[in-house]
Amino acid sequence: MHRTLIEGRLVLGHTWKQAIEKARGDSIRSGLIPIINSMMAAGLVSLPGMMTGQILGGNPPMEAVKYQILIMFLIAGGTGLGTVASVWLGSRRLFDDRQRLRLDRLAG
């Protein structure tokens, strides 16, 4: 975390949201990297379990692929919402009502 950068922005009159905008963006991007990587590899490197099961069960391959794409998008959406919510709650906890950085709140 860029403590001095955040504190410097707060001293210059930025709100807490403006002061940590880049850090929050980097955190969200880092949280989404694993699901994006797994979506890139699905179907090319590996056949996901549900799709393989449907194909072996006799369903048409295109239908199995459609279901697998739906499931992957739902997982990615859930991961995205969870990441954004946790970053927002965590960043909100770092500041008090007077918009001061409170790193002591991280410990407990």
PDB file of N, CA and C in Angstrom:
ATOM      1  N   MET A   1       0.846  -1.181   0.000  1.00  0.00           N
ATOM      2  CA  MET A   1       0.000   0.000   0.000  1.00  0.00           C
ATOM      3  C   MET A   1       0.889   1.241   0.000  1.00  0.00           C
ATOM      4  N   HIS A   2       0.470   2.248  -0.624  1.00  0.00           N
ATOM      5  CA  HIS A   2       1.240   3.474  -0.760  1.00  0.00           C
ATOM      6  C   HIS A   2       0.791   4.471   0.301  1.00  0.00           C
ATOM      7  N   ARG A   3       1.220   4.216   1.505  1.00  0.00           N
ATOM      8  CA  ARG A   3       0.761   5.025   2.633  1.00  0.00           C
ATOM      9  C   ARG A   3       1.117   6.498   2.478  1.00  0.00           C
ATOM     10  N   THR A   4       2.350   6.779   2.107  1.00  0.00           N
ATOM     11  CA  THR A   4       2.768   8.186   2.002  1.00  0.00           C
ATOM     12  C   THR A   4       2.023   8.901   0.878  1.00  0.00           C
ATOM     13  N   LEU A   5       1.777   8.191  -0.219  1.00  0.00           N
ATOM     14  CA  LEU A   5       1.033   8.788  -1.328  1.00  0.00           C
ATOM     15  C   LEU A   5      -0.404   9.110  -0.908  1.00  0.00           C
ATOM     16  N   ILE A   6      -1.030   8.187  -0.205  1.00  0.00           N
ATOM     17  CA  ILE A   6      -2.409   8.405   0.257  1.00  0.00           C
ATOM     18  C   ILE A   6      -2.469   9.548   1.256  1.00  0.00           C
ATOM     19  N   GLU A   7      -1.543   9.550   2.204  1.00  0.00           N
ATOM     20  CA  GLU A   7      -1.530  10.630   3.196  1.00  0.00           C
ATOM     21  C   GLU A   7      -1.238  11.975   2.533  1.00  0.00           C
ATOM     22  N   GLY A   8      -0.360  11.985   1.539  1.00  0.00           N
ATOM     23  CA  GLY A   8      -0.068  13.228   0.823  1.00  0.00           C
ATOM     24  C   GLY A   8      -1.293  13.763   0.096  1.00  0.00           C
ATOM     25  N   ARG A   9      -2.042  12.880  -0.514  1.00  0.00           N
ATOM     26  CA  ARG A   9      -3.270  13.313  -1.190  1.00  0.00           C
ATOM     27  C   ARG A   9      -4.306  13.834  -0.204  1.00  0.00           C
ATOM     28  N   LEU A  10      -4.392  13.192   0.951  1.00  0.00           N
ATOM     29  CA  LEU A  10      -5.332  13.674   1.973  1.00  0.00           C
ATOM     30  C   LEU A  10      -4.943  15.061   2.464  1.00  0.00           C
ATOM     31  N   VAL A  11      -3.631  15.289   2.632  1.00  0.00           N
ATOM     32  CA  VAL A  11      -3.150  16.596   3.070  1.00  0.00           C
ATOM     33  C   VAL A  11      -3.464  17.671   2.035  1.00  0.00           C
ATOM     34  N   LEU A  12      -3.434  17.288   0.762  1.00  0.00           N
ATOM     35  CA  LEU A  12      -3.717  18.248  -0.303  1.00  0.00           C
ATOM     36  C   LEU A  12      -5.207  18.527  -0.486  1.00  0.00           C
ATOM     37  N   GLY A  13      -6.044  17.848   0.280  1.00  0.00           N
ATOM     38  CA  GLY A  13      -7.471  18.141   0.235  1.00  0.00           C
ATOM     39  C   GLY A  13      -8.322  17.142  -0.520  1.00  0.00           C
ATOM     40  N   HIS A  14      -7.730  16.045  -0.955  1.00  0.00           N
ATOM     41  CA  HIS A  14      -8.508  15.031  -1.646  1.00  0.00           C
ATOM     42  C   HIS A  14      -9.425  14.312  -0.646  1.00  0.00           C
ATOM     43  N   THR A  15     -10.545  13.812  -1.130  1.00  0.00           N
ATOM     44  CA  THR A  15     -11.390  12.972  -0.282  1.00  0.00           C
ATOM     45  C   THR A  15     -10.741  11.606  -0.170  1.00  0.00           C
ATOM     46  N   TRP A  16     -11.232  10.789   0.758  1.00  0.00           N
ATOM     47  CA  TRP A  16     -10.635   9.465   0.921  1.00  0.00           C
ATOM     48  C   TRP A  16     -10.825   8.625  -0.336  1.00  0.00           C
ATOM     49  N   LYS A  17     -11.924   8.812  -1.038  1.00  0.00           N
ATOM     50  CA  LYS A  17     -12.153   8.053  -2.266  1.00  0.00           C
ATOM     51  C   LYS A  17     -11.146   8.433  -3.351  1.00  0.00           C
ATOM     52  N   GLN A  18     -10.860   9.718  -3.466  1.00  0.00           N
ATOM     53  CA  GLN A  18      -9.886  10.167  -4.455  1.00  0.00           C
ATOM     54  C   GLN A  18      -8.480   9.742  -4.074  1.00  0.00           C
ATOM     55  N   ALA A  19      -8.198   9.719  -2.769  1.00  0.00           N
ATOM     56  CA  ALA A  19      -6.848   9.398  -2.309  1.00  0.00           C
ATOM     57  C   ALA A  19      -6.472   7.943  -2.573  1.00  0.00           C
ATOM     58  N   ILE A  20      -7.450   7.034  -2.553  1.00  0.00           N
ATOM     59  CA  ILE A  20      -7.119   5.625  -2.746  1.00  0.00           C
ATOM     60  C   ILE A  20      -7.666   5.058  -4.047  1.00  0.00           C
ATOM     61  N   GLU A  21      -8.022   5.906  -4.972  1.00  0.00           N
ATOM     62  CA  GLU A  21      -8.622   5.460  -6.232  1.00  0.00           C
ATOM     63  C   GLU A  21      -7.724   4.476  -6.985  1.00  0.00           C
ATOM     64  N   LYS A  22      -6.451   4.786  -7.123  1.00  0.00           N
ATOM     65  CA  LYS A  22      -5.540   3.912  -7.863  1.00  0.00           C
ATOM     66  C   LYS A  22      -5.315   2.603  -7.112  1.00  0.00           C
ATOM     67  N   ALA A  23      -5.180   2.667  -5.796  1.00  0.00           N
ATOM     68  CA  ALA A  23      -4.967   1.451  -5.008  1.00  0.00           C
ATOM     69  C   ALA A  23      -6.177   0.523  -5.091  1.00  0.00           C
ATOM     70  N   ARG A  24      -7.373   1.099  -5.073  1.00  0.00           N
ATOM     71  CA  ARG A  24      -8.576   0.270  -5.189  1.00  0.00           C
ATOM     72  C   ARG A  24      -8.663  -0.369  -6.568  1.00  0.00           C
ATOM     73  N   GLY A  25      -8.346   0.386  -7.597  1.00  0.00           N
ATOM     74  CA  GLY A  25      -8.358  -0.178  -8.947  1.00  0.00           C
ATOM     75  C   GLY A  25      -7.359  -1.318  -9.102  1.00  0.00           C
ATOM     76  N   ASP A  26      -6.167  -1.136  -8.552  1.00  0.00           N
ATOM     77  CA  ASP A  26      -5.156  -2.197  -8.607  1.00  0.00           C
ATOM     78  C   ASP A  26      -5.605  -3.427  -7.826  1.00  0.00           C
ATOM     79  N   SER A  27      -6.264  -3.221  -6.698  1.00  0.00           N
ATOM     80  CA  SER A  27      -6.741  -4.340  -5.887  1.00  0.00           C
ATOM     81  C   SER A  27      -7.832  -5.120  -6.608  1.00  0.00           C
ATOM     82  N   ILE A  28      -8.743  -4.421  -7.236  1.00  0.00           N
ATOM     83  CA  ILE A  28      -9.814  -5.097  -7.976  1.00  0.00           C
ATOM     84  C   ILE A  28      -9.234  -5.854  -9.157  1.00  0.00           C
ATOM     85  N   ARG A  29      -8.305  -5.245  -9.862  1.00  0.00           N
ATOM     86  CA  ARG A  29      -7.656  -5.915 -10.992  1.00  0.00           C
ATOM     87  C   ARG A  29      -6.935  -7.176 -10.532  1.00  0.00           C
ATOM     88  N   SER A  30      -6.241  -7.103  -9.412  1.00  0.00           N
ATOM     89  CA  SER A  30      -5.534  -8.274  -8.884  1.00  0.00           C
ATOM     90  C   SER A  30      -6.504  -9.364  -8.455  1.00  0.00           C
ATOM     91  N   GLY A  31      -7.651  -8.980  -7.933  1.00  0.00           N
ATOM     92  CA  GLY A  31      -8.642  -9.964  -7.510  1.00  0.00           C
ATOM     93  C   GLY A  31      -9.308 -10.682  -8.673  1.00  0.00           C
ATOM     94  N   LEU A  32      -9.356 -10.052  -9.828  1.00  0.00           N
ATOM     95  CA  LEU A  32     -10.012 -10.661 -10.985  1.00  0.00           C
ATOM     96  C   LEU A  32      -9.063 -11.457 -11.882  1.00  0.00           C
ATOM     97  N   ILE A  33      -7.779 -11.351 -11.672  1.00  0.00           N
ATOM     98  CA  ILE A  33      -6.811 -12.046 -12.530  1.00  0.00           C
ATOM     99  C   ILE A  33      -7.014 -13.562 -12.545  1.00  0.00           C
ATOM    100  N   PRO A  34      -7.211 -14.235 -11.408  1.00  0.00           N
ATOM    101  CA  PRO A  34      -7.365 -15.703 -11.467  1.00  0.00           C
ATOM    102  C   PRO A  34      -8.569 -16.169 -12.280  1.00  0.00           C
ATOM    103  N   ILE A  35      -9.718 -15.536 -12.139  1.00  0.00           N
ATOM    104  CA  ILE A  35     -10.894 -15.983 -12.882  1.00  0.00           C
ATOM    105  C   ILE A  35     -10.741 -15.679 -14.369  1.00  0.00           C
ATOM    106  N   ILE A  36     -10.123 -14.566 -14.704  1.00  0.00           N
ATOM    107  CA  ILE A  36      -9.894 -14.249 -16.115  1.00  0.00           C
ATOM    108  C   ILE A  36      -8.950 -15.275 -16.732  1.00  0.00           C
ATOM    109  N   ASN A  37      -7.908 -15.660 -16.010  1.00  0.00           N
ATOM    110  CA  ASN A  37      -6.974 -16.670 -16.517  1.00  0.00           C
ATOM    111  C   ASN A  37      -7.653 -18.023 -16.689  1.00  0.00           C
ATOM    112  N   SER A  38      -8.523 -18.402 -15.765  1.00  0.00           N
ATOM    113  CA  SER A  38      -9.206 -19.688 -15.899  1.00  0.00           C
ATOM    114  C   SER A  38     -10.205 -19.664 -17.047  1.00  0.00           C
ATOM    115  N   MET A  39     -10.817 -18.492 -17.303  1.00  0.00           N
ATOM    116  CA  MET A  39     -11.739 -18.388 -18.432  1.00  0.00           C
ATOM    117  C   MET A  39     -10.982 -18.468 -19.759  1.00  0.00           C
ATOM    118  N   MET A  40      -9.767 -17.950 -19.796  1.00  0.00           N
ATOM    119  CA  MET A  40      -8.982 -18.005 -21.032  1.00  0.00           C
ATOM    120  C   MET A  40      -8.591 -19.440 -21.357  1.00  0.00           C
ATOM    121  N   ALA A  41      -8.326 -20.230 -20.323  1.00  0.00           N
ATOM    122  CA  ALA A  41      -7.852 -21.598 -20.547  1.00  0.00           C
ATOM    123  C   ALA A  41      -8.991 -22.588 -20.748  1.00  0.00           C
ATOM    124  N   ALA A  42     -10.198 -22.276 -20.305  1.00  0.00           N
ATOM    125  CA  ALA A  42     -11.321 -23.219 -20.388  1.00  0.00           C
ATOM    126  C   ALA A  42     -11.652 -23.519 -21.840  1.00  0.00           C
ATOM    127  N   GLY A  43     -11.680 -24.788 -22.167  1.00  0.00           N
ATOM    128  CA  GLY A  43     -12.018 -25.198 -23.520  1.00  0.00           C
ATOM    129  C   GLY A  43     -10.818 -25.320 -24.430  1.00  0.00           C
ATOM    130  N   LEU A  44      -9.762 -24.581 -24.163  1.00  0.00           N
ATOM    131  CA  LEU A  44      -8.556 -24.673 -24.997  1.00  0.00           C
ATOM    132  C   LEU A  44      -7.566 -25.664 -24.408  1.00  0.00           C
ATOM    133  N   VAL A  45      -7.279 -25.498 -23.137  1.00  0.00           N
ATOM    134  CA  VAL A  45      -6.297 -26.350 -22.485  1.00  0.00           C
ATOM    135  C   VAL A  45      -6.980 -27.506 -21.763  1.00  0.00           C
ATOM    136  N   SER A  46      -8.132 -27.229 -21.174  1.00  0.00           N
ATOM    137  CA  SER A  46      -8.836 -28.253 -20.414  1.00  0.00           C
ATOM    138  C   SER A  46     -10.320 -28.219 -20.755  1.00  0.00           C
ATOM    139  N   LEU A  47     -10.963 -29.336 -20.572  1.00  0.00           N
ATOM    140  CA  LEU A  47     -12.414 -29.399 -20.709  1.00  0.00           C
ATOM    141  C   LEU A  47     -13.006 -29.371 -19.308  1.00  0.00           C
ATOM    142  N   PRO A  48     -13.746 -28.325 -18.964  1.00  0.00           N
ATOM    143  CA  PRO A  48     -14.327 -28.244 -17.625  1.00  0.00           C
ATOM    144  C   PRO A  48     -15.252 -29.425 -17.341  1.00  0.00           C
ATOM    145  N   GLY A  49     -15.387 -29.749 -16.066  1.00  0.00           N
ATOM    146  CA  GLY A  49     -16.099 -30.945 -15.628  1.00  0.00           C
ATOM    147  C   GLY A  49     -17.540 -31.041 -16.092  1.00  0.00           C
ATOM    148  N   MET A  50     -18.313 -29.976 -15.958  1.00  0.00           N
ATOM    149  CA  MET A  50     -19.717 -30.040 -16.320  1.00  0.00           C
ATOM    150  C   MET A  50     -19.879 -30.279 -17.820  1.00  0.00           C
ATOM    151  N   MET A  51     -19.075 -29.630 -18.608  1.00  0.00           N
ATOM    152  CA  MET A  51     -19.166 -29.780 -20.060  1.00  0.00           C
ATOM    153  C   MET A  51     -18.801 -31.209 -20.461  1.00  0.00           C
ATOM    154  N   THR A  52     -17.764 -31.751 -19.873  1.00  0.00           N
ATOM    155  CA  THR A  52     -17.353 -33.120 -20.169  1.00  0.00           C
ATOM    156  C   THR A  52     -18.443 -34.103 -19.767  1.00  0.00           C
ATOM    157  N   GLY A  53     -19.045 -33.882 -18.610  1.00  0.00           N
ATOM    158  CA  GLY A  53     -20.116 -34.758 -18.146  1.00  0.00           C
ATOM    159  C   GLY A  53     -21.319 -34.729 -19.061  1.00  0.00           C
ATOM    160  N   GLN A  54     -21.668 -33.562 -19.545  1.00  0.00           N
ATOM    161  CA  GLN A  54     -22.809 -33.471 -20.455  1.00  0.00           C
ATOM    162  C   GLN A  54     -22.515 -34.151 -21.793  1.00  0.00           C
ATOM    163  N   ILE A  55     -21.326 -33.979 -22.295  1.00  0.00           N
ATOM    164  CA  ILE A  55     -20.968 -34.613 -23.564  1.00  0.00           C
ATOM    165  C   ILE A  55     -20.969 -36.131 -23.412  1.00  0.00           C
ATOM    166  N   LEU A  56     -20.373 -36.638 -22.323  1.00  0.00           N
ATOM    167  CA  LEU A  56     -20.364 -38.083 -22.086  1.00  0.00           C
ATOM    168  C   LEU A  56     -21.765 -38.625 -21.814  1.00  0.00           C
ATOM    169  N   GLY A  57     -22.637 -37.774 -21.296  1.00  0.00           N
ATOM    170  CA  GLY A  57     -24.018 -38.176 -21.018  1.00  0.00           C
ATOM    171  C   GLY A  57     -24.898 -38.188 -22.253  1.00  0.00           C
ATOM    172  N   GLY A  58     -24.400 -37.705 -23.381  1.00  0.00           N
ATOM    173  CA  GLY A  58     -25.156 -37.770 -24.615  1.00  0.00           C
ATOM    174  C   GLY A  58     -25.755 -36.463 -25.084  1.00  0.00           C
ATOM    175  N   ASN A  59     -25.546 -35.379 -24.386  1.00  0.00           N
ATOM    176  CA  ASN A  59     -26.056 -34.083 -24.851  1.00  0.00           C
ATOM    177  C   ASN A  59     -25.219 -33.592 -26.026  1.00  0.00           C
ATOM    178  N   PRO A  60     -25.821 -32.800 -26.896  1.00  0.00           N
ATOM    179  CA  PRO A  60     -25.052 -32.235 -28.008  1.00  0.00           C
ATOM    180  C   PRO A  60     -23.927 -31.329 -27.483  1.00  0.00           C
ATOM    181  N   PRO A  61     -22.768 -31.367 -28.121  1.00  0.00           N
ATOM    182  CA  PRO A  61     -21.633 -30.567 -27.656  1.00  0.00           C
ATOM    183  C   PRO A  61     -21.921 -29.066 -27.582  1.00  0.00           C
ATOM    184  N   MET A  62     -22.675 -28.527 -28.542  1.00  0.00           N
ATOM    185  CA  MET A  62     -22.963 -27.091 -28.518  1.00  0.00           C
ATOM    186  C   MET A  62     -23.797 -26.705 -27.295  1.00  0.00           C
ATOM    187  N   GLU A  63     -24.722 -27.560 -26.907  1.00  0.00           N
ATOM    188  CA  GLU A  63     -25.519 -27.283 -25.711  1.00  0.00           C
ATOM    189  C   GLU A  63     -24.642 -27.333 -24.468  1.00  0.00           C
ATOM    190  N   ALA A  64     -23.734 -28.289 -24.403  1.00  0.00           N
ATOM    191  CA  ALA A  64     -22.814 -28.394 -23.270  1.00  0.00           C
ATOM    192  C   ALA A  64     -21.919 -27.165 -23.178  1.00  0.00           C
ATOM    193  N   VAL A  65     -21.465 -26.686 -24.331  1.00  0.00           N
ATOM    194  CA  VAL A  65     -20.608 -25.494 -24.358  1.00  0.00           C
ATOM    195  C   VAL A  65     -21.392 -24.272 -23.895  1.00  0.00           C
ATOM    196  N   LYS A  66     -22.643 -24.137 -24.305  1.00  0.00           N
ATOM    197  CA  LYS A  66     -23.467 -23.000 -23.882  1.00  0.00           C
ATOM    198  C   LYS A  66     -23.640 -22.982 -22.372  1.00  0.00           C
ATOM    199  N   TYR A  67     -23.927 -24.143 -21.790  1.00  0.00           N
ATOM    200  CA  TYR A  67     -24.071 -24.209 -20.344  1.00  0.00           C
ATOM    201  C   TYR A  67     -22.759 -23.878 -19.636  1.00  0.00           C
ATOM    202  N   GLN A  68     -21.654 -24.377 -20.184  1.00  0.00           N
ATOM    203  CA  GLN A  68     -20.361 -24.104 -19.559  1.00  0.00           C
ATOM    204  C   GLN A  68     -20.013 -22.624 -19.623  1.00  0.00           C
ATOM    205  N   ILE A  69     -20.321 -21.975 -20.735  1.00  0.00           N
ATOM    206  CA  ILE A  69     -20.071 -20.533 -20.848  1.00  0.00           C
ATOM    207  C   ILE A  69     -20.926 -19.772 -19.843  1.00  0.00           C
ATOM    208  N   LEU A  70     -22.179 -20.179 -19.702  1.00  0.00           N
ATOM    209  CA  LEU A  70     -23.058 -19.538 -18.719  1.00  0.00           C
ATOM    210  C   LEU A  70     -22.496 -19.677 -17.313  1.00  0.00           C
ATOM    211  N   ILE A  71     -22.066 -20.880 -16.967  1.00  0.00           N
ATOM    212  CA  ILE A  71     -21.510 -21.113 -15.623  1.00  0.00           C
ATOM    213  C   ILE A  71     -20.240 -20.296 -15.414  1.00  0.00           C
ATOM    214  N   MET A  72     -19.381 -20.231 -16.410  1.00  0.00           N
ATOM    215  CA  MET A  72     -18.142 -19.460 -16.269  1.00  0.00           C
ATOM    216  C   MET A  72     -18.438 -17.966 -16.097  1.00  0.00           C
ATOM    217  N   PHE A  73     -19.416 -17.447 -16.832  1.00  0.00           N
ATOM    218  CA  PHE A  73     -19.787 -16.041 -16.660  1.00  0.00           C
ATOM    219  C   PHE A  73     -20.412 -15.779 -15.297  1.00  0.00           C
ATOM    220  N   LEU A  74     -21.206 -16.717 -14.799  1.00  0.00           N
ATOM    221  CA  LEU A  74     -21.789 -16.553 -13.462  1.00  0.00           C
ATOM    222  C   LEU A  74     -20.710 -16.575 -12.385  1.00  0.00           C
ATOM    223  N   ILE A  75     -19.753 -17.463 -12.523  1.00  0.00           N
ATOM    224  CA  ILE A  75     -18.642 -17.506 -11.560  1.00  0.00           C
ATOM    225  C   ILE A  75     -17.829 -16.215 -11.634  1.00  0.00           C
ATOM    226  N   ALA A  76     -17.566 -15.739 -12.847  1.00  0.00           N
ATOM    227  CA  ALA A  76     -16.810 -14.492 -13.010  1.00  0.00           C
ATOM    228  C   ALA A  76     -17.582 -13.310 -12.436  1.00  0.00           C
ATOM    229  N   GLY A  77     -18.896 -13.276 -12.658  1.00  0.00           N
ATOM    230  CA  GLY A  77     -19.715 -12.200 -12.097  1.00  0.00           C
ATOM    231  C   GLY A  77     -19.720 -12.216 -10.576  1.00  0.00           C
ATOM    232  N   GLY A  78     -19.853 -13.418 -10.006  1.00  0.00           N
ATOM    233  CA  GLY A  78     -19.811 -13.536  -8.547  1.00  0.00           C
ATOM    234  C   GLY A  78     -18.463 -13.137  -7.979  1.00  0.00           C
ATOM    235  N   THR A  79     -17.405 -13.539  -8.665  1.00  0.00           N
ATOM    236  CA  THR A  79     -16.060 -13.148  -8.230  1.00  0.00           C
ATOM    237  C   THR A  79     -15.889 -11.635  -8.322  1.00  0.00           C
ATOM    238  N   GLY A  80     -16.378 -11.051  -9.407  1.00  0.00           N
ATOM    239  CA  GLY A  80     -16.274  -9.599  -9.573  1.00  0.00           C
ATOM    240  C   GLY A  80     -17.038  -8.845  -8.501  1.00  0.00           C
ATOM    241  N   LEU A  81     -18.277  -9.265  -8.239  1.00  0.00           N
ATOM    242  CA  LEU A  81     -19.074  -8.597  -7.196  1.00  0.00           C
ATOM    243  C   LEU A  81     -18.443  -8.765  -5.818  1.00  0.00           C
ATOM    244  N   GLY A  82     -17.956  -9.962  -5.542  1.00  0.00           N
ATOM    245  CA  GLY A  82     -17.302 -10.195  -4.253  1.00  0.00           C
ATOM    246  C   GLY A  82     -16.031  -9.382  -4.089  1.00  0.00           C
ATOM    247  N   THR A  83     -15.262  -9.280  -5.155  1.00  0.00           N
ATOM    248  CA  THR A  83     -14.026  -8.502  -5.113  1.00  0.00           C
ATOM    249  C   THR A  83     -14.319  -7.024  -4.893  1.00  0.00           C
ATOM    250  N   VAL A  84     -15.268  -6.489  -5.659  1.00  0.00           N
ATOM    251  CA  VAL A  84     -15.609  -5.071  -5.522  1.00  0.00           C
ATOM    252  C   VAL A  84     -16.156  -4.786  -4.127  1.00  0.00           C
ATOM    253  N   ALA A  85     -17.015  -5.668  -3.618  1.00  0.00           N
ATOM    254  CA  ALA A  85     -17.595  -5.451  -2.289  1.00  0.00           C
ATOM    255  C   ALA A  85     -16.533  -5.505  -1.197  1.00  0.00           C
ATOM    256  N   SER A  86     -15.630  -6.477  -1.271  1.00  0.00           N
ATOM    257  CA  SER A  86     -14.613  -6.578  -0.232  1.00  0.00           C
ATOM    258  C   SER A  86     -13.619  -5.422  -0.282  1.00  0.00           C
ATOM    259  N   VAL A  87     -13.258  -4.983  -1.489  1.00  0.00           N
ATOM    260  CA  VAL A  87     -12.350  -3.835  -1.603  1.00  0.00           C
ATOM    261  C   VAL A  87     -13.036  -2.579  -1.091  1.00  0.00           C
ATOM    262  N   TRP A  88     -14.310  -2.400  -1.419  1.00  0.00           N
ATOM    263  CA  TRP A  88     -15.028  -1.214  -0.954  1.00  0.00           C
ATOM    264  C   TRP A  88     -15.159  -1.218   0.569  1.00  0.00           C
ATOM    265  N   LEU A  89     -15.554  -2.351   1.152  1.00  0.00           N
ATOM    266  CA  LEU A  89     -15.696  -2.411   2.608  1.00  0.00           C
ATOM    267  C   LEU A  89     -14.352  -2.232   3.305  1.00  0.00           C
ATOM    268  N   GLY A  90     -13.318  -2.873   2.760  1.00  0.00           N
ATOM    269  CA  GLY A  90     -11.993  -2.731   3.355  1.00  0.00           C
ATOM    270  C   GLY A  90     -11.467  -1.317   3.270  1.00  0.00           C
ATOM    271  N   SER A  91     -11.677  -0.675   2.124  1.00  0.00           N
ATOM    272  CA  SER A  91     -11.181   0.695   1.983  1.00  0.00           C
ATOM    273  C   SER A  91     -11.987   1.656   2.840  1.00  0.00           C
ATOM    274  N   ARG A  92     -13.253   1.400   3.013  1.00  0.00           N
ATOM    275  CA  ARG A  92     -14.073   2.265   3.869  1.00  0.00           C
ATOM    276  C   ARG A  92     -13.642   2.155   5.322  1.00  0.00           C
ATOM    277  N   ARG A  93     -13.213   0.965   5.721  1.00  0.00           N
ATOM    278  CA  ARG A  93     -12.773   0.750   7.107  1.00  0.00           C
ATOM    279  C   ARG A  93     -11.456   1.463   7.404  1.00  0.00           C
ATOM    280  N   LEU A  94     -10.668   1.764   6.384  1.00  0.00           N
ATOM    281  CA  LEU A  94      -9.374   2.407   6.595  1.00  0.00           C
ATOM    282  C   LEU A  94      -9.477   3.883   6.948  1.00  0.00           C
ATOM    283  N   PHE A  95     -10.664   4.457   6.827  1.00  0.00           N
ATOM    284  CA  PHE A  95     -10.827   5.890   7.080  1.00  0.00           C
ATOM    285  C   PHE A  95     -11.936   6.112   8.102  1.00  0.00           C
ATOM    286  N   ASP A  96     -11.771   7.164   8.908  1.00  0.00           N
ATOM    287  CA  ASP A  96     -12.818   7.496   9.873  1.00  0.00           C
ATOM    288  C   ASP A  96     -13.725   8.576   9.281  1.00  0.00           C
ATOM    289  N   ASP A  97     -14.631   9.094  10.105  1.00  0.00           N
ATOM    290  CA  ASP A  97     -15.600  10.085   9.630  1.00  0.00           C
ATOM    291  C   ASP A  97     -14.948  11.394   9.204  1.00  0.00           C
ATOM    292  N   ARG A  98     -13.772  11.683   9.736  1.00  0.00           N
ATOM    293  CA  ARG A  98     -13.063  12.915   9.386  1.00  0.00           C
ATOM    294  C   ARG A  98     -12.076  12.691   8.241  1.00  0.00           C
ATOM    295  N   GLN A  99     -12.191  11.564   7.550  1.00  0.00           N
ATOM    296  CA  GLN A  99     -11.376  11.191   6.400  1.00  0.00           C
ATOM    297  C   GLN A  99      -9.890  11.121   6.725  1.00  0.00           C
ATOM    298  N   ARG A 100      -9.586  10.559   7.878  1.00  0.00           N
ATOM    299  CA  ARG A 100      -8.201  10.328   8.269  1.00  0.00           C
ATOM    300  C   ARG A 100      -7.867   8.863   8.051  1.00  0.00           C
ATOM    301  N   LEU A 101      -6.650   8.583   7.599  1.00  0.00           N
ATOM    302  CA  LEU A 101      -6.188   7.222   7.373  1.00  0.00           C
ATOM    303  C   LEU A 101      -5.975   6.555   8.724  1.00  0.00           C
ATOM    304  N   ARG A 102      -6.623   5.421   8.943  1.00  0.00           N
ATOM    305  CA  ARG A 102      -6.557   4.710  10.216  1.00  0.00           C
ATOM    306  C   ARG A 102      -6.020   3.303   9.990  1.00  0.00           C
ATOM    307  N   LEU A 103      -4.713   3.181   9.916  1.00  0.00           N
ATOM    308  CA  LEU A 103      -4.096   1.870   9.689  1.00  0.00           C
ATOM    309  C   LEU A 103      -4.181   0.980  10.921  1.00  0.00           C
ATOM    310  N   ASP A 104      -4.432   1.554  12.100  1.00  0.00           N
ATOM    311  CA  ASP A 104      -4.588   0.755  13.297  1.00  0.00           C
ATOM    312  C   ASP A 104      -5.814  -0.158  13.221  1.00  0.00           C
ATOM    313  N   ARG A 105      -6.756   0.158  12.347  1.00  0.00           N
ATOM    314  CA  ARG A 105      -7.955  -0.673  12.193  1.00  0.00           C
ATOM    315  C   ARG A 105      -7.693  -1.952  11.410  1.00  0.00           C
ATOM    316  N   LEU A 106      -6.557  -2.061  10.777  1.00  0.00           N
ATOM    317  CA  LEU A 106      -6.232  -3.261  10.035  1.00  0.00           C
ATOM    318  C   LEU A 106      -5.937  -4.432  10.954  1.00  0.00           C
ATOM    319  N   ALA A 107      -5.373  -4.164  12.113  1.00  0.00           N
ATOM    320  CA  ALA A 107      -4.953  -5.243  13.013  1.00  0.00           C
ATOM    321  C   ALA A 107      -6.128  -5.960  13.653  1.00  0.00           C
ATOM    322  N   GLY A 108      -7.218  -5.285  13.912  1.00  0.00           N
ATOM    323  CA  GLY A 108      -8.288  -5.940  14.665  1.00  0.00           C
ATOM    324  C   GLY A 108      -9.555  -5.786  14.048  1.00  0.00           C
TER     325      GLY A 108
END
